């Protein structure tokens, strides 16, 4: 069976999306400050695409079928946080709007709780 042109259209669209969105788009390159602190930007990426087409049958060229189609894509990149690494300490600095649900708030508190527990364990060992 002969390959249909819509397949090429979709392949081209997906290839372009792959070129735009990779892991470095979500977790950015680390930035090292003069005092040795490392900032790692974190972003939320969402994308979508659509493709469509149709075969046209011409009155004058009944043996030849014509194809018309198109595709489009959209990408939304929103910075949401920075990972701050200083020595052995790692903290998450949210820059997104505050969480609206209880589950979101609990997830945001996890790094702070881990830090507090680590401090208590270290105090007990000393």
PDB file of N, CA and C in Angstrom:
ATOM      1  N   UNK A   1       0.842  -1.183   0.000  1.00  0.00           N
ATOM      2  CA  UNK A   1       0.000   0.000   0.000  1.00  0.00           C
ATOM      3  C   UNK A   1       0.888   1.247   0.000  1.00  0.00           C
ATOM      4  N   UNK A   2       0.515   2.195  -0.779  1.00  0.00           N
ATOM      5  CA  UNK A   2       1.267   3.437  -0.935  1.00  0.00           C
ATOM      6  C   UNK A   2       1.102   4.324   0.307  1.00  0.00           C
ATOM      7  N   UNK A   3       2.179   4.975   0.702  1.00  0.00           N
ATOM      8  CA  UNK A   3       2.130   5.864   1.869  1.00  0.00           C
ATOM      9  C   UNK A   3       1.302   7.104   1.538  1.00  0.00           C
ATOM     10  N   UNK A   4       0.411   7.463   2.463  1.00  0.00           N
ATOM     11  CA  UNK A   4      -0.472   8.617   2.261  1.00  0.00           C
ATOM     12  C   UNK A   4       0.253   9.899   2.688  1.00  0.00           C
ATOM     13  N   UNK A   5       0.018  11.027   2.018  1.00  0.00           N
ATOM     14  CA  UNK A   5       0.702  12.288   2.359  1.00  0.00           C
ATOM     15  C   UNK A   5       0.444  12.778   3.786  1.00  0.00           C
ATOM     16  N   UNK A   6      -0.673  12.415   4.400  1.00  0.00           N
ATOM     17  CA  UNK A   6      -0.947  12.871   5.768  1.00  0.00           C
ATOM     18  C   UNK A   6       0.097  12.323   6.739  1.00  0.00           C
ATOM     19  N   UNK A   7       0.628  11.138   6.439  1.00  0.00           N
ATOM     20  CA  UNK A   7       1.678  10.562   7.285  1.00  0.00           C
ATOM     21  C   UNK A   7       2.924  11.426   7.295  1.00  0.00           C
ATOM     22  N   UNK A   8       3.329  11.902   6.119  1.00  0.00           N
ATOM     23  CA  UNK A   8       4.493  12.800   6.031  1.00  0.00           C
ATOM     24  C   UNK A   8       4.238  14.099   6.780  1.00  0.00           C
ATOM     25  N   UNK A   9       3.019  14.605   6.662  1.00  0.00           N
ATOM     26  CA  UNK A   9       2.639  15.843   7.337  1.00  0.00           C
ATOM     27  C   UNK A   9       2.756  15.689   8.850  1.00  0.00           C
ATOM     28  N   UNK A  10       2.253  14.572   9.373  1.00  0.00           N
ATOM     29  CA  UNK A  10       2.310  14.333  10.820  1.00  0.00           C
ATOM     30  C   UNK A  10       3.746  14.092  11.289  1.00  0.00           C
ATOM     31  N   UNK A  11       4.526  13.363  10.510  1.00  0.00           N
ATOM     32  CA  UNK A  11       5.924  13.118  10.876  1.00  0.00           C
ATOM     33  C   UNK A  11       6.709  14.421  10.960  1.00  0.00           C
ATOM     34  N   UNK A  12       6.502  15.309   9.991  1.00  0.00           N
ATOM     35  CA  UNK A  12       7.193  16.596   9.989  1.00  0.00           C
ATOM     36  C   UNK A  12       6.810  17.420  11.217  1.00  0.00           C
ATOM     37  N   UNK A  13       5.516  17.443  11.544  1.00  0.00           N
ATOM     38  CA  UNK A  13       5.054  18.196  12.716  1.00  0.00           C
ATOM     39  C   UNK A  13       5.677  17.653  13.995  1.00  0.00           C
ATOM     40  N   UNK A  14       5.647  16.339  14.181  1.00  0.00           N
ATOM     41  CA  UNK A  14       6.216  15.740  15.396  1.00  0.00           C
ATOM     42  C   UNK A  14       7.726  15.972  15.477  1.00  0.00           C
ATOM     43  N   UNK A  15       8.422  15.924  14.352  1.00  0.00           N
ATOM     44  CA  UNK A  15       9.870  16.176  14.353  1.00  0.00           C
ATOM     45  C   UNK A  15      10.164  17.595  14.810  1.00  0.00           C
ATOM     46  N   UNK A  16       9.387  18.558  14.347  1.00  0.00           N
ATOM     47  CA  UNK A  16       9.594  19.948  14.744  1.00  0.00           C
ATOM     48  C   UNK A  16       9.308  20.135  16.234  1.00  0.00           C
ATOM     49  N   UNK A  17       8.292  19.459  16.754  1.00  0.00           N
ATOM     50  CA  UNK A  17       8.005  19.543  18.200  1.00  0.00           C
ATOM     51  C   UNK A  17       9.172  18.954  18.986  1.00  0.00           C
ATOM     52  N   UNK A  18       9.707  17.817  18.535  1.00  0.00           N
ATOM     53  CA  UNK A  18      10.860  17.206  19.222  1.00  0.00           C
ATOM     54  C   UNK A  18      12.052  18.158  19.254  1.00  0.00           C
ATOM     55  N   UNK A  19      12.246  18.901  18.166  1.00  0.00           N
ATOM     56  CA  UNK A  19      13.355  19.857  18.118  1.00  0.00           C
ATOM     57  C   UNK A  19      13.156  21.000  19.106  1.00  0.00           C
ATOM     58  N   UNK A  20      11.897  21.422  19.301  1.00  0.00           N
ATOM     59  CA  UNK A  20      11.618  22.549  20.194  1.00  0.00           C
ATOM     60  C   UNK A  20      11.633  22.151  21.663  1.00  0.00           C
ATOM     61  N   UNK A  21      11.110  20.977  21.985  1.00  0.00           N
ATOM     62  CA  UNK A  21      10.920  20.585  23.378  1.00  0.00           C
ATOM     63  C   UNK A  21      11.808  19.389  23.685  1.00  0.00           C
ATOM     64  N   UNK A  22      12.828  19.614  24.501  1.00  0.00           N
ATOM     65  CA  UNK A  22      13.655  18.520  24.990  1.00  0.00           C
ATOM     66  C   UNK A  22      13.816  18.668  26.495  1.00  0.00           C
ATOM     67  N   UNK A  23      14.571  17.788  27.103  1.00  0.00           N
ATOM     68  CA  UNK A  23      14.714  17.815  28.567  1.00  0.00           C
ATOM     69  C   UNK A  23      15.309  19.131  29.038  1.00  0.00           C
ATOM     70  N   UNK A  24      16.158  19.774  28.238  1.00  0.00           N
ATOM     71  CA  UNK A  24      16.767  21.046  28.643  1.00  0.00           C
ATOM     72  C   UNK A  24      15.753  22.183  28.677  1.00  0.00           C
ATOM     73  N   UNK A  25      14.606  21.988  28.049  1.00  0.00           N
ATOM     74  CA  UNK A  25      13.547  22.986  28.114  1.00  0.00           C
ATOM     75  C   UNK A  25      12.869  22.924  29.476  1.00  0.00           C
ATOM     76  N   UNK A  26      12.737  21.728  30.037  1.00  0.00           N
ATOM     77  CA  UNK A  26      12.058  21.542  31.322  1.00  0.00           C
ATOM     78  C   UNK A  26      13.010  21.819  32.479  1.00  0.00           C
ATOM     79  N   UNK A  27      14.150  21.171  32.485  1.00  0.00           N
ATOM     80  CA  UNK A  27      15.179  21.402  33.503  1.00  0.00           C
ATOM     81  C   UNK A  27      16.305  22.150  32.802  1.00  0.00           C
ATOM     82  N   UNK A  28      16.417  23.448  33.098  1.00  0.00           N
ATOM     83  CA  UNK A  28      17.384  24.297  32.401  1.00  0.00           C
ATOM     84  C   UNK A  28      18.821  24.045  32.815  1.00  0.00           C
ATOM     85  N   UNK A  29      19.716  24.711  32.132  1.00  0.00           N
ATOM     86  CA  UNK A  29      21.142  24.604  32.445  1.00  0.00           C
ATOM     87  C   UNK A  29      21.431  25.265  33.788  1.00  0.00           C
ATOM     88  N   UNK A  30      22.276  24.641  34.615  1.00  0.00           N
ATOM     89  CA  UNK A  30      22.617  25.216  35.913  1.00  0.00           C
ATOM     90  C   UNK A  30      23.337  26.558  35.771  1.00  0.00           C
ATOM     91  N   UNK A  31      23.030  27.462  36.704  1.00  0.00           N
ATOM     92  CA  UNK A  31      23.665  28.779  36.757  1.00  0.00           C
ATOM     93  C   UNK A  31      24.435  28.838  38.073  1.00  0.00           C
ATOM     94  N   UNK A  32      25.741  29.045  38.002  1.00  0.00           N
ATOM     95  CA  UNK A  32      26.566  29.103  39.210  1.00  0.00           C
ATOM     96  C   UNK A  32      26.843  30.571  39.528  1.00  0.00           C
ATOM     97  N   UNK A  33      26.514  30.971  40.763  1.00  0.00           N
ATOM     98  CA  UNK A  33      26.737  32.352  41.187  1.00  0.00           C
ATOM     99  C   UNK A  33      28.149  32.523  41.728  1.00  0.00           C
ATOM    100  N   UNK A  34      28.552  33.759  41.971  1.00  0.00           N
ATOM    101  CA  UNK A  34      29.902  34.060  42.454  1.00  0.00           C
ATOM    102  C   UNK A  34      30.179  33.432  43.818  1.00  0.00           C
ATOM    103  N   UNK A  35      29.143  33.295  44.663  1.00  0.00           N
ATOM    104  CA  UNK A  35      29.365  32.719  45.995  1.00  0.00           C
ATOM    105  C   UNK A  35      29.248  31.195  46.016  1.00  0.00           C
ATOM    106  N   UNK A  36      29.181  30.560  44.847  1.00  0.00           N
ATOM    107  CA  UNK A  36      29.184  29.096  44.776  1.00  0.00           C
ATOM    108  C   UNK A  36      27.807  28.456  44.795  1.00  0.00           C
ATOM    109  N   UNK A  37      26.758  29.243  44.841  1.00  0.00           N
ATOM    110  CA  UNK A  37      25.400  28.703  44.831  1.00  0.00           C
ATOM    111  C   UNK A  37      25.034  28.349  43.386  1.00  0.00           C
ATOM    112  N   UNK A  38      24.333  27.225  43.209  1.00  0.00           N
ATOM    113  CA  UNK A  38      23.892  26.791  41.884  1.00  0.00           C
ATOM    114  C   UNK A  38      22.385  26.904  41.793  1.00  0.00           C
ATOM    115  N   UNK A  39      21.905  27.578  40.745  1.00  0.00           N
ATOM    116  CA  UNK A  39      20.470  27.715  40.481  1.00  0.00           C
ATOM    117  C   UNK A  39      20.134  26.889  39.246  1.00  0.00           C
ATOM    118  N   UNK A  40      19.105  26.049  39.363  1.00  0.00           N
ATOM    119  CA  UNK A  40      18.666  25.235  38.231  1.00  0.00           C
ATOM    120  C   UNK A  40      17.208  25.588  37.935  1.00  0.00           C
ATOM    121  N   UNK A  41      16.942  26.233  36.797  1.00  0.00           N
ATOM    122  CA  UNK A  41      15.560  26.607  36.470  1.00  0.00           C
ATOM    123  C   UNK A  41      14.715  25.392  36.071  1.00  0.00           C
ATOM    124  N   UNK A  42      13.469  25.369  36.535  1.00  0.00           N
ATOM    125  CA  UNK A  42      12.515  24.304  36.221  1.00  0.00           C
ATOM    126  C   UNK A  42      11.306  24.954  35.549  1.00  0.00           C
ATOM    127  N   UNK A  43      10.861  24.397  34.430  1.00  0.00           N
ATOM    128  CA  UNK A  43       9.723  24.946  33.699  1.00  0.00           C
ATOM    129  C   UNK A  43       8.673  23.869  33.450  1.00  0.00           C
ATOM    130  N   UNK A  44       7.450  24.331  33.266  1.00  0.00           N
ATOM    131  CA  UNK A  44       6.348  23.442  32.887  1.00  0.00           C
ATOM    132  C   UNK A  44       6.130  23.638  31.388  1.00  0.00           C
ATOM    133  N   UNK A  45       6.114  22.533  30.661  1.00  0.00           N
ATOM    134  CA  UNK A  45       5.947  22.591  29.217  1.00  0.00           C
ATOM    135  C   UNK A  45       4.693  21.820  28.835  1.00  0.00           C
ATOM    136  N   UNK A  46       3.841  22.452  28.045  1.00  0.00           N
ATOM    137  CA  UNK A  46       2.686  21.749  27.501  1.00  0.00           C
ATOM    138  C   UNK A  46       2.611  22.059  26.009  1.00  0.00           C
ATOM    139  N   UNK A  47       2.195  21.071  25.256  1.00  0.00           N
ATOM    140  CA  UNK A  47       2.119  21.275  23.814  1.00  0.00           C
ATOM    141  C   UNK A  47       0.984  20.450  23.231  1.00  0.00           C
ATOM    142  N   UNK A  48       0.594  20.818  22.041  1.00  0.00           N
ATOM    143  CA  UNK A  48      -0.426  20.078  21.323  1.00  0.00           C
ATOM    144  C   UNK A  48      -0.238  20.286  19.833  1.00  0.00           C
ATOM    145  N   UNK A  49      -0.775  19.363  19.075  1.00  0.00           N
ATOM    146  CA  UNK A  49      -0.694  19.535  17.631  1.00  0.00           C
ATOM    147  C   UNK A  49      -1.911  18.891  16.978  1.00  0.00           C
ATOM    148  N   UNK A  50      -2.178  19.330  15.769  1.00  0.00           N
ATOM    149  CA  UNK A  50      -3.284  18.781  14.991  1.00  0.00           C
ATOM    150  C   UNK A  50      -2.870  18.718  13.528  1.00  0.00           C
ATOM    151  N   UNK A  51      -3.338  17.705  12.861  1.00  0.00           N
ATOM    152  CA  UNK A  51      -3.095  17.552  11.430  1.00  0.00           C
ATOM    153  C   UNK A  51      -4.385  17.104  10.779  1.00  0.00           C
ATOM    154  N   UNK A  52      -4.545  17.463   9.537  1.00  0.00           N
ATOM    155  CA  UNK A  52      -5.733  17.028   8.807  1.00  0.00           C
ATOM    156  C   UNK A  52      -5.538  17.207   7.325  1.00  0.00           C
ATOM    157  N   UNK A  53      -6.353  16.546   6.583  1.00  0.00           N
ATOM    158  CA  UNK A  53      -6.244  16.667   5.142  1.00  0.00           C
ATOM    159  C   UNK A  53      -7.396  15.976   4.450  1.00  0.00           C
ATOM    160  N   UNK A  54      -7.433  16.143   3.164  1.00  0.00           N
ATOM    161  CA  UNK A  54      -8.472  15.517   2.356  1.00  0.00           C
ATOM    162  C   UNK A  54      -7.944  15.228   0.962  1.00  0.00           C
ATOM    163  N   UNK A  55      -8.539  14.251   0.327  1.00  0.00           N
ATOM    164  CA  UNK A  55      -8.229  13.940  -1.066  1.00  0.00           C
ATOM    165  C   UNK A  55      -9.247  14.642  -1.948  1.00  0.00           C
ATOM    166  N   UNK A  56      -8.751  15.280  -3.001  1.00  0.00           N
ATOM    167  CA  UNK A  56      -9.629  15.949  -3.967  1.00  0.00           C
ATOM    168  C   UNK A  56      -9.647  15.134  -5.249  1.00  0.00           C
ATOM    169  N   UNK A  57     -10.817  14.959  -5.804  1.00  0.00           N
ATOM    170  CA  UNK A  57     -10.947  14.284  -7.092  1.00  0.00           C
ATOM    171  C   UNK A  57     -11.313  15.349  -8.117  1.00  0.00           C
ATOM    172  N   UNK A  58     -10.456  15.524  -9.080  1.00  0.00           N
ATOM    173  CA  UNK A  58     -10.661  16.548 -10.103  1.00  0.00           C
ATOM    174  C   UNK A  58     -11.537  15.994 -11.228  1.00  0.00           C
ATOM    175  N   UNK A  59     -12.383  16.838 -11.769  1.00  0.00           N
ATOM    176  CA  UNK A  59     -13.222  16.440 -12.910  1.00  0.00           C
ATOM    177  C   UNK A  59     -12.359  16.156 -14.136  1.00  0.00           C
ATOM    178  N   UNK A  60     -11.295  16.921 -14.285  1.00  0.00           N
ATOM    179  CA  UNK A  60     -10.475  16.834 -15.488  1.00  0.00           C
ATOM    180  C   UNK A  60      -9.399  15.763 -15.392  1.00  0.00           C
ATOM    181  N   UNK A  61      -8.981  15.436 -14.204  1.00  0.00           N
ATOM    182  CA  UNK A  61      -7.910  14.446 -14.036  1.00  0.00           C
ATOM    183  C   UNK A  61      -8.406  13.345 -13.108  1.00  0.00           C
ATOM    184  N   UNK A  62      -9.267  12.496 -13.591  1.00  0.00           N
ATOM    185  CA  UNK A  62      -9.862  11.466 -12.749  1.00  0.00           C
ATOM    186  C   UNK A  62      -8.840  10.422 -12.307  1.00  0.00           C
ATOM    187  N   UNK A  63      -7.797  10.235 -13.069  1.00  0.00           N
ATOM    188  CA  UNK A  63      -6.786   9.245 -12.699  1.00  0.00           C
ATOM    189  C   UNK A  63      -5.869   9.766 -11.603  1.00  0.00           C
ATOM    190  N   UNK A  64      -5.724  11.093 -11.528  1.00  0.00           N
ATOM    191  CA  UNK A  64      -4.839  11.691 -10.531  1.00  0.00           C
ATOM    192  C   UNK A  64      -5.649  12.200  -9.341  1.00  0.00           C
ATOM    193  N   UNK A  65      -5.283  11.790  -8.178  1.00  0.00           N
ATOM    194  CA  UNK A  65      -5.908  12.340  -6.973  1.00  0.00           C
ATOM    195  C   UNK A  65      -5.006  13.435  -6.429  1.00  0.00           C
ATOM    196  N   UNK A  66      -5.610  14.497  -5.952  1.00  0.00           N
ATOM    197  CA  UNK A  66      -4.855  15.582  -5.332  1.00  0.00           C
ATOM    198  C   UNK A  66      -5.116  15.556  -3.846  1.00  0.00           C
ATOM    199  N   UNK A  67      -4.124  15.966  -3.093  1.00  0.00           N
ATOM    200  CA  UNK A  67      -4.249  15.981  -1.628  1.00  0.00           C
ATOM    201  C   UNK A  67      -4.026  17.397  -1.126  1.00  0.00           C
ATOM    202  N   UNK A  68      -4.835  17.798  -0.178  1.00  0.00           N
ATOM    203  CA  UNK A  68      -4.654  19.083   0.487  1.00  0.00           C
ATOM    204  C   UNK A  68      -4.678  18.850   1.986  1.00  0.00           C
ATOM    205  N   UNK A  69      -3.750  19.431   2.696  1.00  0.00           N
ATOM    206  CA  UNK A  69      -3.703  19.208   4.141  1.00  0.00           C
ATOM    207  C   UNK A  69      -2.927  20.291   4.843  1.00  0.00           C
ATOM    208  N   UNK A  70      -2.961  20.215   6.137  1.00  0.00           N
ATOM    209  CA  UNK A  70      -2.229  21.181   6.944  1.00  0.00           C
ATOM    210  C   UNK A  70      -2.026  20.649   8.345  1.00  0.00           C
ATOM    211  N   UNK A  71      -1.127  21.264   9.052  1.00  0.00           N
ATOM    212  CA  UNK A  71      -0.891  20.883  10.442  1.00  0.00           C
ATOM    213  C   UNK A  71      -0.457  22.112  11.214  1.00  0.00           C
ATOM    214  N   UNK A  72      -0.590  22.025  12.495  1.00  0.00           N
ATOM    215  CA  UNK A  72      -0.182  23.134  13.351  1.00  0.00           C
ATOM    216  C   UNK A  72       0.176  22.612  14.728  1.00  0.00           C
ATOM    217  N   UNK A  73       0.949  23.393  15.440  1.00  0.00           N
ATOM    218  CA  UNK A  73       1.368  22.994  16.782  1.00  0.00           C
ATOM    219  C   UNK A  73       1.465  24.232  17.656  1.00  0.00           C
ATOM    220  N   UNK A  74       1.295  24.012  18.937  1.00  0.00           N
ATOM    221  CA  UNK A  74       1.451  25.084  19.900  1.00  0.00           C
ATOM    222  C   UNK A  74       2.233  24.591  21.099  1.00  0.00           C
ATOM    223  N   UNK A  75       3.105  25.427  21.624  1.00  0.00           N
ATOM    224  CA  UNK A  75       3.919  25.080  22.785  1.00  0.00           C
ATOM    225  C   UNK A  75       3.793  26.202  23.799  1.00  0.00           C
ATOM    226  N   UNK A  76       3.623  25.831  25.068  1.00  0.00           N
ATOM    227  CA  UNK A  76       3.543  26.796  26.156  1.00  0.00           C
ATOM    228  C   UNK A  76       4.608  26.431  27.187  1.00  0.00           C
ATOM    229  N   UNK A  77       5.531  27.342  27.451  1.00  0.00           N
ATOM    230  CA  UNK A  77       6.601  27.105  28.422  1.00  0.00           C
ATOM    231  C   UNK A  77       6.449  28.135  29.531  1.00  0.00           C
ATOM    232  N   UNK A  78       6.291  27.644  30.780  1.00  0.00           N
ATOM    233  CA  UNK A  78       6.086  28.522  31.924  1.00  0.00           C
ATOM    234  C   UNK A  78       7.123  28.187  32.993  1.00  0.00           C
ATOM    235  N   UNK A  79       7.979  29.149  33.396  1.00  0.00           N
ATOM    236  CA  UNK A  79       8.908  28.881  34.498  1.00  0.00           C
ATOM    237  C   UNK A  79       8.122  28.710  35.794  1.00  0.00           C
ATOM    238  N   UNK A  80       8.442  27.660  36.560  1.00  0.00           N
ATOM    239  CA  UNK A  80       7.682  27.398  37.785  1.00  0.00           C
ATOM    240  C   UNK A  80       8.539  27.393  39.050  1.00  0.00           C
ATOM    241  N   UNK A  81       9.843  27.116  38.939  1.00  0.00           N
ATOM    242  CA  UNK A  81      10.654  27.020  40.155  1.00  0.00           C
ATOM    243  C   UNK A  81      12.144  27.075  39.824  1.00  0.00           C
ATOM    244  N   UNK A  82      12.918  27.219  40.904  1.00  0.00           N
ATOM    245  CA  UNK A  82      14.370  27.084  40.825  1.00  0.00           C
ATOM    246  C   UNK A  82      14.792  26.101  41.899  1.00  0.00           C
ATOM    247  N   UNK A  83      15.691  25.179  41.555  1.00  0.00           N
ATOM    248  CA  UNK A  83      16.364  24.354  42.555  1.00  0.00           C
ATOM    249  C   UNK A  83      17.595  25.139  42.968  1.00  0.00           C
ATOM    250  N   UNK A  84      17.760  25.338  44.261  1.00  0.00           N
ATOM    251  CA  UNK A  84      18.899  26.086  44.776  1.00  0.00           C
ATOM    252  C   UNK A  84      19.800  25.101  45.513  1.00  0.00           C
ATOM    253  N   UNK A  85      21.023  24.950  45.011  1.00  0.00           N
ATOM    254  CA  UNK A  85      21.988  24.015  45.599  1.00  0.00           C
ATOM    255  C   UNK A  85      23.117  24.826  46.196  1.00  0.00           C
ATOM    256  N   UNK A  86      23.302  24.664  47.504  1.00  0.00           N
ATOM    257  CA  UNK A  86      24.391  25.348  48.207  1.00  0.00           C
ATOM    258  C   UNK A  86      25.047  24.308  49.113  1.00  0.00           C
ATOM    259  N   UNK A  87      26.235  23.878  48.735  1.00  0.00           N
ATOM    260  CA  UNK A  87      26.914  22.828  49.494  1.00  0.00           C
ATOM    261  C   UNK A  87      26.119  21.533  49.397  1.00  0.00           C
ATOM    262  N   UNK A  88      25.691  21.005  50.563  1.00  0.00           N
ATOM    263  CA  UNK A  88      24.892  19.778  50.575  1.00  0.00           C
ATOM    264  C   UNK A  88      23.406  20.074  50.727  1.00  0.00           C
ATOM    265  N   UNK A  89      23.054  21.336  50.785  1.00  0.00           N
ATOM    266  CA  UNK A  89      21.658  21.740  50.951  1.00  0.00           C
ATOM    267  C   UNK A  89      21.004  21.998  49.593  1.00  0.00           C
ATOM    268  N   UNK A  90      19.807  21.445  49.416  1.00  0.00           N
ATOM    269  CA  UNK A  90      19.035  21.662  48.197  1.00  0.00           C
ATOM    270  C   UNK A  90      17.656  22.173  48.599  1.00  0.00           C
ATOM    271  N   UNK A  91      17.253  23.285  48.006  1.00  0.00           N
ATOM    272  CA  UNK A  91      15.937  23.852  48.294  1.00  0.00           C
ATOM    273  C   UNK A  91      15.212  24.142  46.994  1.00  0.00           C
ATOM    274  N   UNK A  92      13.891  24.122  47.070  1.00  0.00           N
ATOM    275  CA  UNK A  92      13.058  24.432  45.914  1.00  0.00           C
ATOM    276  C   UNK A  92      12.403  25.779  46.146  1.00  0.00           C
ATOM    277  N   UNK A  93      12.627  26.714  45.232  1.00  0.00           N
ATOM    278  CA  UNK A  93      12.018  28.036  45.311  1.00  0.00           C
ATOM    279  C   UNK A  93      10.953  28.133  44.227  1.00  0.00           C
ATOM    280  N   UNK A  94       9.680  28.068  44.654  1.00  0.00           N
ATOM    281  CA  UNK A  94       8.572  28.162  43.703  1.00  0.00           C
ATOM    282  C   UNK A  94       8.399  29.599  43.242  1.00  0.00           C
ATOM    283  N   UNK A  95       8.176  29.766  41.940  1.00  0.00           N
ATOM    284  CA  UNK A  95       7.862  31.091  41.431  1.00  0.00           C
ATOM    285  C   UNK A  95       6.488  31.082  40.765  1.00  0.00           C
ATOM    286  N   UNK A  96       5.849  29.915  40.792  1.00  0.00           N
ATOM    287  CA  UNK A  96       4.494  29.786  40.235  1.00  0.00           C
ATOM    288  C   UNK A  96       3.501  30.320  41.265  1.00  0.00           C
ATOM    289  N   UNK A  97       2.270  30.597  40.851  1.00  0.00           N
ATOM    290  CA  UNK A  97       1.253  31.040  41.813  1.00  0.00           C
ATOM    291  C   UNK A  97       1.068  30.004  42.908  1.00  0.00           C
ATOM    292  N   UNK A  98       0.616  30.423  44.099  1.00  0.00           N
ATOM    293  CA  UNK A  98       0.453  29.477  45.203  1.00  0.00           C
ATOM    294  C   UNK A  98      -0.484  28.335  44.845  1.00  0.00           C
ATOM    295  N   UNK A  99      -0.250  27.195  45.476  1.00  0.00           N
ATOM    296  CA  UNK A  99      -1.077  26.009  45.248  1.00  0.00           C
ATOM    297  C   UNK A  99      -2.512  26.274  45.703  1.00  0.00           C
ATOM    298  N   UNK A 100      -3.432  25.655  45.024  1.00  0.00           N
ATOM    299  CA  UNK A 100      -4.834  25.896  45.345  1.00  0.00           C
ATOM    300  C   UNK A 100      -5.499  24.719  46.050  1.00  0.00           C
ATOM    301  N   UNK A 101      -4.902  23.542  45.979  1.00  0.00           N
ATOM    302  CA  UNK A 101      -5.513  22.385  46.631  1.00  0.00           C
ATOM    303  C   UNK A 101      -4.635  21.921  47.791  1.00  0.00           C
ATOM    304  N   UNK A 102      -5.224  21.156  48.679  1.00  0.00           N
ATOM    305  CA  UNK A 102      -4.496  20.631  49.833  1.00  0.00           C
ATOM    306  C   UNK A 102      -3.349  19.731  49.387  1.00  0.00           C
ATOM    307  N   UNK A 103      -3.591  18.900  48.400  1.00  0.00           N
ATOM    308  CA  UNK A 103      -2.545  17.997  47.910  1.00  0.00           C
ATOM    309  C   UNK A 103      -1.363  18.802  47.373  1.00  0.00           C
ATOM    310  N   UNK A 104      -1.645  19.871  46.622  1.00  0.00           N
ATOM    311  CA  UNK A 104      -0.567  20.718  46.099  1.00  0.00           C
ATOM    312  C   UNK A 104       0.243  21.334  47.239  1.00  0.00           C
ATOM    313  N   UNK A 105      -0.438  21.788  48.274  1.00  0.00           N
ATOM    314  CA  UNK A 105       0.265  22.390  49.417  1.00  0.00           C
ATOM    315  C   UNK A 105       1.145  21.377  50.126  1.00  0.00           C
ATOM    316  N   UNK A 106       0.638  20.147  50.278  1.00  0.00           N
ATOM    317  CA  UNK A 106       1.424  19.099  50.942  1.00  0.00           C
ATOM    318  C   UNK A 106       2.675  18.790  50.122  1.00  0.00           C
ATOM    319  N   UNK A 107       2.520  18.676  48.805  1.00  0.00           N
ATOM    320  CA  UNK A 107       3.670  18.386  47.932  1.00  0.00           C
ATOM    321  C   UNK A 107       4.700  19.504  48.019  1.00  0.00           C
ATOM    322  N   UNK A 108       4.252  20.746  48.087  1.00  0.00           N
ATOM    323  CA  UNK A 108       5.180  21.873  48.202  1.00  0.00           C
ATOM    324  C   UNK A 108       5.948  21.844  49.518  1.00  0.00           C
ATOM    325  N   UNK A 109       5.335  21.300  50.579  1.00  0.00           N
ATOM    326  CA  UNK A 109       5.975  21.296  51.891  1.00  0.00           C
ATOM    327  C   UNK A 109       6.986  20.165  52.069  1.00  0.00           C
ATOM    328  N   UNK A 110       6.981  19.162  51.209  1.00  0.00           N
ATOM    329  CA  UNK A 110       7.855  17.997  51.371  1.00  0.00           C
ATOM    330  C   UNK A 110       9.330  18.381  51.512  1.00  0.00           C
ATOM    331  N   UNK A 111       9.909  19.241  50.654  1.00  0.00           N
ATOM    332  CA  UNK A 111      11.328  19.568  50.832  1.00  0.00           C
ATOM    333  C   UNK A 111      11.636  20.195  52.195  1.00  0.00           C
ATOM    334  N   UNK A 112      10.744  21.065  52.693  1.00  0.00           N
ATOM    335  CA  UNK A 112      10.970  21.686  54.001  1.00  0.00           C
ATOM    336  C   UNK A 112      10.919  20.649  55.120  1.00  0.00           C
ATOM    337  N   UNK A 113       9.976  19.719  55.035  1.00  0.00           N
ATOM    338  CA  UNK A 113       9.847  18.676  56.058  1.00  0.00           C
ATOM    339  C   UNK A 113      11.094  17.806  56.061  1.00  0.00           C
ATOM    340  N   UNK A 114      11.589  17.450  54.898  1.00  0.00           N
ATOM    341  CA  UNK A 114      12.806  16.625  54.818  1.00  0.00           C
ATOM    342  C   UNK A 114      13.980  17.360  55.438  1.00  0.00           C
ATOM    343  N   UNK A 115      14.114  18.669  55.173  1.00  0.00           N
ATOM    344  CA  UNK A 115      15.194  19.453  55.778  1.00  0.00           C
ATOM    345  C   UNK A 115      15.093  19.439  57.299  1.00  0.00           C
ATOM    346  N   UNK A 116      13.882  19.633  57.839  1.00  0.00           N
ATOM    347  CA  UNK A 116      13.685  19.661  59.298  1.00  0.00           C
ATOM    348  C   UNK A 116      14.038  18.309  59.921  1.00  0.00           C
ATOM    349  N   UNK A 117      13.590  17.224  59.283  1.00  0.00           N
ATOM    350  CA  UNK A 117      13.891  15.884  59.803  1.00  0.00           C
ATOM    351  C   UNK A 117      15.389  15.637  59.759  1.00  0.00           C
ATOM    352  N   UNK A 118      16.040  16.051  58.681  1.00  0.00           N
ATOM    353  CA  UNK A 118      17.496  15.861  58.570  1.00  0.00           C
ATOM    354  C   UNK A 118      18.224  16.629  59.673  1.00  0.00           C
ATOM    355  N   UNK A 119      17.765  17.866  59.957  1.00  0.00           N
ATOM    356  CA  UNK A 119      18.375  18.647  61.037  1.00  0.00           C
ATOM    357  C   UNK A 119      18.206  17.963  62.376  1.00  0.00           C
ATOM    358  N   UNK A 120      17.014  17.398  62.664  1.00  0.00           N
ATOM    359  CA  UNK A 120      16.777  16.709  63.921  1.00  0.00           C
ATOM    360  C   UNK A 120      17.651  15.469  64.048  1.00  0.00           C
ATOM    361  N   UNK A 121      17.779  14.708  62.974  1.00  0.00           N
ATOM    362  CA  UNK A 121      18.600  13.497  62.998  1.00  0.00           C
ATOM    363  C   UNK A 121      20.047  13.865  63.220  1.00  0.00           C
ATOM    364  N   UNK A 122      20.538  14.905  62.565  1.00  0.00           N
ATOM    365  CA  UNK A 122      21.932  15.339  62.736  1.00  0.00           C
ATOM    366  C   UNK A 122      22.189  15.830  64.157  1.00  0.00           C
ATOM    367  N   UNK A 123      21.209  16.510  64.770  1.00  0.00           N
ATOM    368  CA  UNK A 123      21.370  16.974  66.151  1.00  0.00           C
ATOM    369  C   UNK A 123      21.459  15.791  67.114  1.00  0.00           C
ATOM    370  N   UNK A 124      20.606  14.773  66.878  1.00  0.00           N
ATOM    371  CA  UNK A 124      20.614  13.595  67.746  1.00  0.00           C
ATOM    372  C   UNK A 124      21.934  12.817  67.634  1.00  0.00           C
ATOM    373  N   UNK A 125      22.525  12.776  66.438  1.00  0.00           N
ATOM    374  CA  UNK A 125      23.779  12.057  66.254  1.00  0.00           C
ATOM    375  C   UNK A 125      24.930  12.763  66.958  1.00  0.00           C
ATOM    376  N   UNK A 126      24.870  14.098  67.029  1.00  0.00           N
ATOM    377  CA  UNK A 126      25.950  14.854  67.667  1.00  0.00           C
ATOM    378  C   UNK A 126      25.794  14.725  69.152  1.00  0.00           C
TER     379      UNK A 126
END
